[in-house]
Amino acid sequence: MSEQTTTRSLAILLSQDSISYRTKTVKSGEITYSAIMHYKVDELNKNKSVVELEYELKSNLVLLLAYDHVHICFLSPTVNVVPTVFLKKPYEQYLTLSAYQPILLAIDSPLKEIDASLVYNIHYPLKDVLLSLPNLQNAQLYHSGKLLIDHIQASPTADEIHIHTVNQALEIACFSKGKFVFYNIFDTNAQEDFLFYVLYSLNQLDFNQHTVLCSIYGDTLRGSNYHKTLEKYIRHIHFENEDQKAQHFTFNKLFECELYQEL
């Protein structure tokens, strides 16, 4: 009888005030996923909540296990797209105009098909807690925007807007006739925020709302209030997340990273 082989992976989504994680196990070719666990800092009692969450992370058995692959993805709104040719200064200088402070540690996430990198802030207290755990110190770090942009196969003939929502973060990536033209990530607390950022992006790029192709990933589902509002303004909407697996876009892309030498 052949020996059964098992590999385990851990994927973590990290924002300034929350953490989500999911595990993947491959045993003799059969893949199973855990439920997604989510923890959020209580804004009304932030200092106490952070301390409690730090204790939870350091004592959580799932996070303390050994893994063959560990991925940490930052939902950081402090980000700029920087052409590779300009990546000569300290990365923090590319973020000096950001409203999100402090900028203490910035790193880059090179894009796959575009000669540029996402430079972003990783000054998150919970990041330090995670990377202090011995089994997570060799984790691969990503910005969520890289997973979205690298995934897109843009049309050479159309203007496109790609919308991804996860944990109240709204990512927008735009392409014009196959050429990448825009990426940003926004904090959203209400439907009005979502609609404003989408329509504002289209307006700034001079994209026609009646002809632009809109693809949606993540938490925004067909038939939701967000969808019903958006379809009043954008004619061509395609949902990439019709099944439950596709709704967890970022987690799926993190696990796919294991198929490549370099994402």
Protein backbone atom coordinates (compact mmCIF):
# COMPACT_ATOMS: atom_id res chain seq x y z
CA MET A 1 0.00 0.00 0.00
CA SER A 2 1.40 3.38 -1.00
CA GLU A 3 2.02 5.89 1.74
CA GLN A 4 -0.54 8.70 1.93
CA THR A 5 0.92 12.19 1.57
CA THR A 6 -0.59 15.25 3.19
CA THR A 7 0.21 18.93 2.64
CA ARG A 8 -1.29 21.78 4.61
CA SER A 9 -1.63 25.45 3.71
CA LEU A 10 -2.71 28.53 5.65
CA ALA A 11 -4.01 31.71 4.03
CA ILE A 12 -4.50 34.89 6.07
CA LEU A 13 -6.20 38.17 5.11
CA LEU A 14 -5.05 41.06 7.24
CA SER A 15 -6.39 44.59 7.50
CA GLN A 16 -5.74 47.34 10.01
CA ASP A 17 -8.51 46.13 12.31
CA SER A 18 -9.34 42.56 11.31
CA ILE A 19 -7.94 39.15 10.44
CA SER A 20 -9.49 36.29 8.49
CA TYR A 21 -7.91 32.93 7.80
CA ARG A 22 -8.61 29.63 6.08
CA THR A 23 -6.73 26.35 5.80
CA LYS A 24 -6.38 23.94 2.91
CA THR A 25 -5.45 20.27 3.26
CA VAL A 26 -4.45 18.01 0.39
CA LYS A 27 -4.41 14.34 1.33
CA SER A 28 -3.70 11.78 -1.38
CA GLY A 29 -5.05 14.19 -4.00
CA GLU A 30 -8.25 15.05 -2.12
CA ILE A 31 -8.60 18.75 -1.21
CA THR A 32 -10.55 20.01 1.78
CA TYR A 33 -10.96 23.59 3.05
CA SER A 34 -11.78 24.79 6.54
CA ALA A 35 -14.46 27.33 7.30
CA ILE A 36 -13.26 30.94 7.15
CA MET A 37 -12.58 32.37 10.60
CA HIS A 38 -12.85 36.11 11.07
CA TYR A 39 -11.86 38.38 13.97
CA LYS A 40 -12.38 42.12 14.14
CA VAL A 41 -11.12 44.75 16.55
CA ASP A 42 -13.88 46.44 18.55
CA GLU A 43 -13.57 50.12 17.63
CA LEU A 44 -15.41 51.21 20.78
CA ASN A 45 -12.77 49.63 23.01
CA LYS A 46 -9.85 49.35 20.63
CA ASN A 47 -6.91 49.03 23.02
CA LYS A 48 -8.51 46.24 25.03
CA SER A 49 -9.76 44.53 21.88
CA VAL A 50 -6.30 44.50 20.30
CA VAL A 51 -4.79 42.93 23.43
CA GLU A 52 -7.52 40.28 23.50
CA LEU A 53 -7.05 39.54 19.82
CA GLU A 54 -3.28 39.25 20.24
CA TYR A 55 -3.86 36.67 22.98
CA GLU A 56 -6.31 34.81 20.76
CA LEU A 57 -3.84 34.67 17.86
CA LYS A 58 -0.95 33.50 20.03
CA SER A 59 -3.00 30.71 21.59
CA ASN A 60 -5.01 29.63 18.54
CA LEU A 61 -4.17 26.00 17.71
CA VAL A 62 -4.85 26.44 13.99
CA LEU A 63 -2.31 29.27 13.74
CA LEU A 64 0.26 27.31 15.76
CA LEU A 65 0.27 24.22 13.54
CA ALA A 66 3.03 23.51 11.03
CA TYR A 67 2.20 24.26 7.39
CA ASP A 68 3.87 23.54 4.08
CA HIS A 69 2.69 26.90 2.70
CA VAL A 70 1.75 30.11 4.54
CA HIS A 71 0.36 33.17 2.75
CA ILE A 72 -0.40 36.54 4.34
CA CYS A 73 -2.36 38.98 2.20
CA PHE A 74 -2.69 42.66 3.17
CA LEU A 75 -5.91 44.55 2.47
CA SER A 76 -3.95 47.78 2.72
CA PRO A 77 -5.56 51.01 1.44
CA THR A 78 -2.14 52.69 1.66
CA VAL A 79 -0.90 51.63 -1.76
CA ASN A 80 0.51 53.09 -4.97
CA VAL A 81 1.20 51.53 -8.36
CA VAL A 82 4.85 52.35 -9.13
CA PRO A 83 6.50 51.57 -12.50
CA THR A 84 9.52 49.32 -12.05
CA VAL A 85 11.86 51.93 -13.54
CA PHE A 86 11.06 54.30 -10.64
CA LEU A 87 11.58 51.79 -7.81
CA LYS A 88 14.81 53.40 -6.65
CA LYS A 89 13.80 55.47 -3.63
CA PRO A 90 12.90 54.08 -0.19
CA TYR A 91 9.43 52.65 -0.61
CA GLU A 92 8.01 54.79 2.19
CA GLN A 93 8.52 57.88 0.00
CA TYR A 94 5.97 56.60 -2.52
CA LEU A 95 3.31 56.70 0.21
CA THR A 96 4.01 60.10 1.78
CA LEU A 97 0.80 61.64 0.42
CA SER A 98 -1.38 58.95 1.91
CA ALA A 99 -3.98 59.88 4.50
CA TYR A 100 -3.27 56.64 6.31
CA GLN A 101 -0.56 57.07 8.93
CA PRO A 102 1.95 56.16 10.11
CA ILE A 103 4.00 54.82 7.21
CA LEU A 104 6.71 52.94 9.06
CA LEU A 105 7.27 49.92 6.84
CA ALA A 106 6.50 49.69 3.13
CA ILE A 107 7.21 46.77 0.81
CA ASP A 108 6.50 46.01 -2.84
CA SER A 109 4.43 43.37 -4.58
CA PRO A 110 5.58 43.01 -8.22
CA LEU A 111 2.83 42.56 -10.80
CA LYS A 112 3.01 39.62 -13.17
CA GLU A 113 2.21 41.03 -16.62
CA ILE A 114 2.65 44.74 -15.89
CA ASP A 115 6.06 46.38 -15.51
CA ALA A 116 5.19 47.85 -12.12
CA SER A 117 4.78 46.99 -8.46
CA LEU A 118 2.22 47.73 -5.79
CA VAL A 119 4.07 49.55 -3.00
CA TYR A 120 2.08 49.35 0.23
CA ASN A 121 2.16 49.91 3.96
CA ILE A 122 2.39 46.91 6.30
CA HIS A 123 2.48 48.79 9.61
CA TYR A 124 -0.20 46.63 11.20
CA PRO A 125 0.14 45.62 14.87
CA LEU A 126 -1.47 42.24 14.20
CA LYS A 127 1.12 41.55 11.49
CA ASP A 128 3.86 41.67 14.11
CA VAL A 129 1.95 39.23 16.28
CA LEU A 130 1.55 36.77 13.40
CA LEU A 131 5.17 36.95 12.26
CA SER A 132 6.34 36.39 15.83
CA LEU A 133 4.89 32.87 15.68
CA PRO A 134 7.72 30.48 14.69
CA ASN A 135 5.69 28.56 12.10
CA LEU A 136 4.63 31.76 10.27
CA GLN A 137 7.96 33.57 10.00
CA ASN A 138 8.61 32.29 6.46
CA ALA A 139 5.20 33.35 5.17
CA GLN A 140 4.86 34.77 1.68
CA LEU A 141 3.49 38.34 1.74
CA TYR A 142 1.15 39.80 -0.86
CA HIS A 143 -1.02 42.82 -1.45
CA SER A 144 -4.60 41.88 -2.34
CA GLY A 145 -4.43 44.05 -5.46
CA LYS A 146 -1.76 41.82 -6.98
CA LEU A 147 -4.06 38.81 -6.80
CA LEU A 148 -6.83 40.75 -8.58
CA ILE A 149 -4.73 42.46 -11.27
CA ASP A 150 -2.69 39.38 -12.14
CA HIS A 151 -5.90 37.38 -12.52
CA ILE A 152 -7.45 39.66 -15.16
CA GLN A 153 -7.19 38.81 -18.86
CA ALA A 154 -8.22 42.14 -20.32
CA SER A 155 -10.05 42.55 -23.61
CA PRO A 156 -8.04 44.32 -26.34
CA THR A 157 -11.17 46.08 -27.60
CA ALA A 158 -13.14 47.19 -24.53
CA ASP A 159 -12.96 49.33 -21.41
CA GLU A 160 -13.30 47.24 -18.26
CA ILE A 161 -13.81 47.79 -14.55
CA HIS A 162 -13.17 44.91 -12.16
CA ILE A 163 -14.72 45.16 -8.68
CA HIS A 164 -13.75 42.99 -5.72
CA THR A 165 -15.26 43.28 -2.26
CA VAL A 166 -14.05 41.50 0.88
CA ASN A 167 -14.27 42.41 4.59
CA GLN A 168 -15.62 45.93 3.80
CA ALA A 169 -12.70 46.59 1.45
CA LEU A 170 -13.53 47.59 -2.12
CA GLU A 171 -10.89 46.99 -4.78
CA ILE A 172 -11.19 48.52 -8.25
CA ALA A 173 -8.95 47.67 -11.20
CA CYS A 174 -9.52 49.21 -14.64
CA PHE A 175 -8.23 48.35 -18.10
CA SER A 176 -8.70 50.26 -21.34
CA LYS A 177 -8.46 48.14 -24.50
CA GLY A 178 -6.14 45.68 -22.82
CA LYS A 179 -3.97 48.30 -21.08
CA PHE A 180 -3.90 48.61 -17.30
CA VAL A 181 -4.88 52.15 -16.26
CA PHE A 182 -6.02 52.18 -12.62
CA TYR A 183 -6.04 50.35 -9.30
CA ASN A 184 -7.08 51.40 -5.81
CA ILE A 185 -8.58 49.96 -2.65
CA PHE A 186 -11.11 51.75 -0.46
CA ASP A 187 -12.67 51.26 2.96
CA THR A 188 -16.45 51.08 2.59
CA ASN A 189 -18.99 51.16 5.39
CA ALA A 190 -22.20 51.59 3.40
CA GLN A 191 -23.80 51.01 0.04
CA GLU A 192 -23.38 54.69 -0.76
CA ASP A 193 -19.58 54.39 -0.36
CA PHE A 194 -19.50 51.43 -2.74
CA LEU A 195 -21.51 53.20 -5.42
CA PHE A 196 -19.60 56.48 -5.06
CA TYR A 197 -16.15 54.93 -5.53
CA VAL A 198 -17.24 52.82 -8.51
CA LEU A 199 -18.91 55.70 -10.35
CA TYR A 200 -16.16 58.15 -9.41
CA SER A 201 -13.54 55.82 -10.88
CA LEU A 202 -15.50 55.50 -14.12
CA ASN A 203 -15.91 59.27 -14.32
CA GLN A 204 -12.22 59.98 -13.72
CA LEU A 205 -11.23 57.56 -16.47
CA ASP A 206 -13.95 58.85 -18.82
CA PHE A 207 -15.40 55.33 -19.18
CA ASN A 208 -18.89 55.14 -20.67
CA GLN A 209 -21.25 53.57 -18.12
CA HIS A 210 -23.38 52.07 -20.92
CA THR A 211 -20.52 50.32 -22.73
CA VAL A 212 -17.95 49.54 -20.02
CA LEU A 213 -17.67 45.87 -19.07
CA CYS A 214 -18.01 45.33 -15.32
CA SER A 215 -16.81 42.14 -13.61
CA ILE A 216 -17.58 41.50 -9.94
CA TYR A 217 -15.76 39.22 -7.51
CA GLY A 218 -16.05 38.45 -3.80
CA ASP A 219 -18.80 39.33 -1.35
CA THR A 220 -21.09 41.26 -3.73
CA LEU A 221 -23.68 38.76 -4.90
CA ARG A 222 -26.23 38.86 -7.71
CA GLY A 223 -29.55 40.08 -6.34
CA SER A 224 -28.01 41.98 -3.42
CA ASN A 225 -28.86 45.61 -2.76
CA TYR A 226 -25.38 46.56 -4.01
CA HIS A 227 -26.03 44.77 -7.29
CA LYS A 228 -29.51 46.24 -7.73
CA THR A 229 -28.17 49.75 -7.20
CA LEU A 230 -25.18 49.26 -9.48
CA GLU A 231 -27.22 47.90 -12.39
CA LYS A 232 -29.13 51.19 -12.50
CA TYR A 233 -25.92 52.85 -13.69
CA ILE A 234 -23.87 50.14 -15.44
CA ARG A 235 -25.43 48.07 -18.21
CA HIS A 236 -22.95 45.22 -18.66
CA ILE A 237 -22.37 43.45 -15.33
CA HIS A 238 -20.87 39.97 -15.09
CA PHE A 239 -20.56 38.07 -11.82
CA GLU A 240 -17.43 35.97 -11.48
CA ASN A 241 -18.63 34.59 -8.14
CA GLU A 242 -21.73 32.58 -8.97
CA ASP A 243 -20.71 29.64 -6.79
CA GLN A 244 -19.59 29.63 -3.17
CA LYS A 245 -15.98 28.79 -4.04
CA ALA A 246 -15.63 31.81 -6.32
CA GLN A 247 -17.04 34.13 -3.66
CA HIS A 248 -13.85 33.60 -1.66
CA PHE A 249 -11.74 35.05 -4.46
CA THR A 250 -8.70 36.18 -2.47
CA PHE A 251 -8.36 32.94 -0.50
CA ASN A 252 -8.59 30.91 -3.71
CA LYS A 253 -5.92 33.01 -5.39
CA LEU A 254 -3.61 32.71 -2.39
CA PHE A 255 -3.85 28.94 -2.50
CA GLU A 256 -3.21 29.01 -6.25
CA CYS A 257 0.12 30.71 -5.56
CA GLU A 258 1.46 27.30 -4.60
CA LEU A 259 1.18 26.17 -8.23
CA TYR A 260 3.85 28.64 -9.37
CA GLN A 261 7.45 29.30 -8.54
CA GLU A 262 6.59 33.01 -8.46
CA LEU A 263 3.13 34.61 -8.48
